C-alpha atoms as a PDB file:
ATOM      1  CA  GLN A   1     -26.864 -36.191 -48.091  1.00  0.00           C
ATOM      2  CA  LEU A   2     -28.197 -32.606 -49.034  1.00  0.00           C
ATOM      3  CA  GLN A   3     -29.090 -32.215 -52.301  1.00  0.00           C
ATOM      4  CA  LEU A   4     -30.680 -28.682 -54.296  1.00  0.00           C
ATOM      5  CA  VAL A   5     -33.386 -29.946 -56.802  1.00  0.00           C
ATOM      6  CA  GLU A   6     -34.356 -26.845 -59.388  1.00  0.00           C
ATOM      7  CA  SER A   7     -37.448 -26.618 -61.041  1.00  0.00           C
ATOM      8  CA  GLY A   8     -39.494 -23.926 -62.553  1.00  0.00           C
ATOM      9  CA  GLY A   9     -37.650 -23.220 -65.979  1.00  0.00           C
ATOM     10  CA  GLY A  10     -39.539 -23.441 -69.615  1.00  0.00           C
ATOM     11  CA  LEU A  11     -39.844 -21.278 -72.469  1.00  0.00           C
ATOM     12  CA  VAL A  12     -41.166 -17.577 -72.443  1.00  0.00           C
ATOM     13  CA  GLU A  13     -41.471 -14.557 -74.292  1.00  0.00           C
ATOM     14  CA  PRO A  14     -39.538 -12.283 -74.391  1.00  0.00           C
ATOM     15  CA  GLY A  15     -40.666  -9.162 -71.252  1.00  0.00           C
ATOM     16  CA  GLY A  16     -42.891 -12.668 -70.019  1.00  0.00           C
ATOM     17  CA  SER A  17     -41.971 -13.864 -66.279  1.00  0.00           C
ATOM     18  CA  LEU A  18     -40.624 -16.786 -64.616  1.00  0.00           C
ATOM     19  CA  THR A  19     -39.993 -18.217 -60.703  1.00  0.00           C
ATOM     20  CA  LEU A  20     -36.948 -20.686 -60.465  1.00  0.00           C
ATOM     21  CA  SER A  21     -37.181 -22.977 -57.200  1.00  0.00           C
ATOM     22  CA  CYS A  22     -34.597 -24.378 -55.341  1.00  0.00           C
ATOM     23  CA  ALA A  23     -35.264 -26.930 -52.895  1.00  0.00           C
ATOM     24  CA  ALA A  24     -33.055 -28.317 -50.476  1.00  0.00           C
ATOM     25  CA  SER A  25     -33.591 -31.939 -48.877  1.00  0.00           C
ATOM     26  CA  GLY A  26     -31.398 -34.833 -47.199  1.00  0.00           C
ATOM     27  CA  ALA A  27     -29.791 -32.839 -44.865  1.00  0.00           C
ATOM     28  CA  THR A  28     -31.325 -29.748 -41.480  1.00  0.00           C
ATOM     29  CA  LEU A  29     -30.024 -26.811 -43.113  1.00  0.00           C
ATOM     30  CA  ASP A  30     -27.534 -24.500 -40.366  1.00  0.00           C
ATOM     31  CA  ARG A  31     -25.498 -21.298 -41.752  1.00  0.00           C
ATOM     32  CA  TYR A  32     -25.209 -21.089 -45.266  1.00  0.00           C
ATOM     33  CA  TYR A  33     -25.376 -18.768 -48.620  1.00  0.00           C
ATOM     34  CA  ILE A  34     -27.259 -20.113 -51.802  1.00  0.00           C
ATOM     35  CA  GLY A  35     -26.479 -18.151 -55.048  1.00  0.00           C
ATOM     36  CA  TRP A  36     -28.016 -18.453 -58.560  1.00  0.00           C
ATOM     37  CA  LEU A  37     -25.901 -18.324 -61.538  1.00  0.00           C
ATOM     38  CA  ARG A  38     -26.524 -19.240 -65.200  1.00  0.00           C
ATOM     39  CA  GLN A  39     -24.478 -20.744 -68.043  1.00  0.00           C
ATOM     40  CA  ALA A  40     -25.843 -19.171 -71.935  1.00  0.00           C
ATOM     41  CA  PRO A  41     -24.716 -21.741 -74.607  1.00  0.00           C
ATOM     42  CA  GLY A  42     -21.065 -21.037 -75.639  1.00  0.00           C
ATOM     43  CA  LYS A  43     -20.516 -18.785 -72.754  1.00  0.00           C
ATOM     44  CA  GLU A  44     -19.229 -18.947 -69.424  1.00  0.00           C
ATOM     45  CA  ARG A  45     -20.824 -19.451 -66.334  1.00  0.00           C
ATOM     46  CA  GLU A  46     -22.164 -16.403 -64.458  1.00  0.00           C
ATOM     47  CA  GLY A  47     -23.148 -15.256 -60.643  1.00  0.00           C
ATOM     48  CA  VAL A  48     -26.720 -14.013 -60.764  1.00  0.00           C
ATOM     49  CA  SER A  49     -27.993 -13.286 -57.246  1.00  0.00           C
ATOM     50  CA  CYS A  50     -27.224 -15.069 -54.148  1.00  0.00           C
ATOM     51  CA  ILE A  51     -29.069 -15.223 -50.348  1.00  0.00           C
ATOM     52  CA  SER A  52     -27.627 -15.553 -46.957  1.00  0.00           C
ATOM     53  CA  SER A  53     -29.547 -18.114 -44.774  1.00  0.00           C
ATOM     54  CA  SER A  54     -31.510 -15.615 -42.231  1.00  0.00           C
ATOM     55  CA  GLY A  55     -32.563 -14.087 -45.654  1.00  0.00           C
ATOM     56  CA  GLY A  56     -31.250 -10.439 -44.289  1.00  0.00           C
ATOM     57  CA  TRP A  57     -28.777 -10.678 -47.190  1.00  0.00           C
ATOM     58  CA  THR A  58     -29.048 -10.378 -50.909  1.00  0.00           C
ATOM     59  CA  GLY A  59     -26.905 -10.214 -53.890  1.00  0.00           C
ATOM     60  CA  TYR A  60     -27.844  -9.355 -57.865  1.00  0.00           C
ATOM     61  CA  ALA A  61     -25.676  -9.262 -60.693  1.00  0.00           C
ATOM     62  CA  ASP A  62     -25.274  -5.724 -62.506  1.00  0.00           C
ATOM     63  CA  SER A  63     -26.892  -6.824 -65.717  1.00  0.00           C
ATOM     64  CA  LEU A  64     -29.552  -8.032 -64.088  1.00  0.00           C
ATOM     65  CA  GLU A  65     -30.411  -5.788 -60.807  1.00  0.00           C
ATOM     66  CA  GLY A  66     -33.811  -4.488 -60.771  1.00  0.00           C
ATOM     67  CA  ARG A  67     -35.238  -7.279 -63.202  1.00  0.00           C
ATOM     68  CA  ILE A  68     -34.348 -10.102 -60.659  1.00  0.00           C
ATOM     69  CA  ASN A  69     -35.307 -11.344 -56.836  1.00  0.00           C
ATOM     70  CA  VAL A  70     -34.364 -13.448 -54.918  1.00  0.00           C
ATOM     71  CA  PHE A  71     -35.943 -14.524 -51.494  1.00  0.00           C
ATOM     72  CA  ARG A  72     -36.024 -18.050 -49.142  1.00  0.00           C
ATOM     73  CA  ASP A  73     -39.084 -20.263 -47.701  1.00  0.00           C
ATOM     74  CA  LYS A  74     -37.337 -21.239 -44.637  1.00  0.00           C
ATOM     75  CA  ALA A  75     -40.532 -23.960 -43.828  1.00  0.00           C
ATOM     76  CA  LYS A  76     -39.902 -25.141 -47.679  1.00  0.00           C
ATOM     77  CA  ASN A  77     -36.356 -25.281 -47.770  1.00  0.00           C
ATOM     78  CA  THR A  78     -36.307 -23.411 -50.688  1.00  0.00           C
ATOM     79  CA  VAL A  79     -34.703 -20.677 -52.483  1.00  0.00           C
ATOM     80  CA  TYR A  80     -36.457 -18.821 -55.178  1.00  0.00           C
ATOM     81  CA  LEU A  81     -35.539 -16.688 -57.945  1.00  0.00           C
ATOM     82  CA  GLN A  82     -38.089 -14.340 -59.741  1.00  0.00           C
ATOM     83  CA  MET A  83     -37.399 -12.592 -62.761  1.00  0.00           C
ATOM     84  CA  ASN A  84     -39.512 -10.463 -65.016  1.00  0.00           C
ATOM     85  CA  LYS A  85     -38.617  -8.800 -68.332  1.00  0.00           C
ATOM     86  CA  LEU A  86     -36.636 -11.065 -69.334  1.00  0.00           C
ATOM     87  CA  LYS A  87     -34.682 -11.187 -72.448  1.00  0.00           C
ATOM     88  CA  LEU A  88     -33.736 -12.816 -74.741  1.00  0.00           C
ATOM     89  CA  GLU A  89     -30.110 -12.993 -73.425  1.00  0.00           C
ATOM     90  CA  ASP A  90     -31.173 -14.481 -70.370  1.00  0.00           C
ATOM     91  CA  THR A  91     -32.049 -17.958 -72.540  1.00  0.00           C
ATOM     92  CA  ALA A  92     -29.376 -19.777 -70.158  1.00  0.00           C
ATOM     93  CA  VAL A  93     -29.647 -23.132 -67.876  1.00  0.00           C
ATOM     94  CA  TYR A  94     -29.719 -21.837 -64.321  1.00  0.00           C
ATOM     95  CA  TYR A  95     -27.914 -23.253 -61.668  1.00  0.00           C
ATOM     96  CA  CYS A  96     -28.258 -22.878 -57.905  1.00  0.00           C
ATOM     97  CA  HIS A  97     -25.099 -23.592 -54.884  1.00  0.00           C
ATOM     98  CA  PHE A  98     -25.053 -23.731 -51.813  1.00  0.00           C
ATOM     99  CA  LEU A  99     -22.289 -23.210 -49.340  1.00  0.00           C
ATOM    100  CA  GLY A 100     -22.291 -23.226 -46.019  1.00  0.00           C
ATOM    101  CA  GLU A 101     -22.989 -25.931 -43.244  1.00  0.00           C
ATOM    102  CA  VAL A 102     -25.621 -28.516 -42.185  1.00  0.00           C
ATOM    103  CA  VAL A 103     -26.659 -29.769 -39.014  1.00  0.00           C
ATOM    104  CA  GLY A 104     -24.688 -32.366 -38.088  1.00  0.00           C
ATOM    105  CA  ARG A 105     -21.381 -32.441 -40.402  1.00  0.00           C
ATOM    106  CA  LEU A 106     -18.446 -30.768 -40.203  1.00  0.00           C
ATOM    107  CA  GLY A 107     -17.483 -28.115 -42.000  1.00  0.00           C
ATOM    108  CA  HIS A 108     -18.373 -26.513 -44.727  1.00  0.00           C
ATOM    109  CA  LEU A 109     -20.636 -28.383 -47.463  1.00  0.00           C
ATOM    110  CA  GLU A 110     -20.579 -27.020 -51.007  1.00  0.00           C
ATOM    111  CA  VAL A 111     -23.366 -28.382 -53.460  1.00  0.00           C
ATOM    112  CA  TRP A 112     -24.843 -27.855 -56.711  1.00  0.00           C
ATOM    113  CA  GLY A 113     -28.295 -28.090 -58.146  1.00  0.00           C
ATOM    114  CA  GLN A 114     -28.654 -29.738 -61.432  1.00  0.00           C
ATOM    115  CA  GLY A 115     -29.653 -27.152 -63.779  1.00  0.00           C
ATOM    116  CA  THR A 116     -32.754 -26.181 -65.267  1.00  0.00           C
ATOM    117  CA  LEU A 117     -33.257 -23.807 -68.222  1.00  0.00           C
ATOM    118  CA  VAL A 118     -34.389 -21.067 -69.223  1.00  0.00           C
ATOM    119  CA  THR A 119     -35.253 -20.576 -72.645  1.00  0.00           C
ATOM    120  CA  VAL A 120     -36.669 -16.935 -73.620  1.00  0.00           C
ATOM    121  CA  SER A 121     -38.250 -16.375 -77.229  1.00  0.00           C
ATOM    122  CA  SER A 122     -40.892 -15.341 -79.494  1.00  0.00           C
END
């Protein structure tokens, strides 16, 4: 069974940087998209970025473009979200989301990570 495990969250000062990771395990990945989303306290969940399995396509939220970068390491089955120049409003729980196919299973599969908390505070 495919699982997504996030790590890298924590406390960071405004203007600082963090790199989050989303590690996939339990299945051999085939073709997919992995997205990063976040939910701040009292706010609705919003998209942050997406990346294709090949790494050839990426997308970024308008409010974050220029401050974030998403990339993957196929050898580690891991997708990363690098965030720079963090702001107070970036404080949120960040989730990774898998949508695609795995080897040996029919049809598309959708899996959510458990979320990791990023707190931006001075």
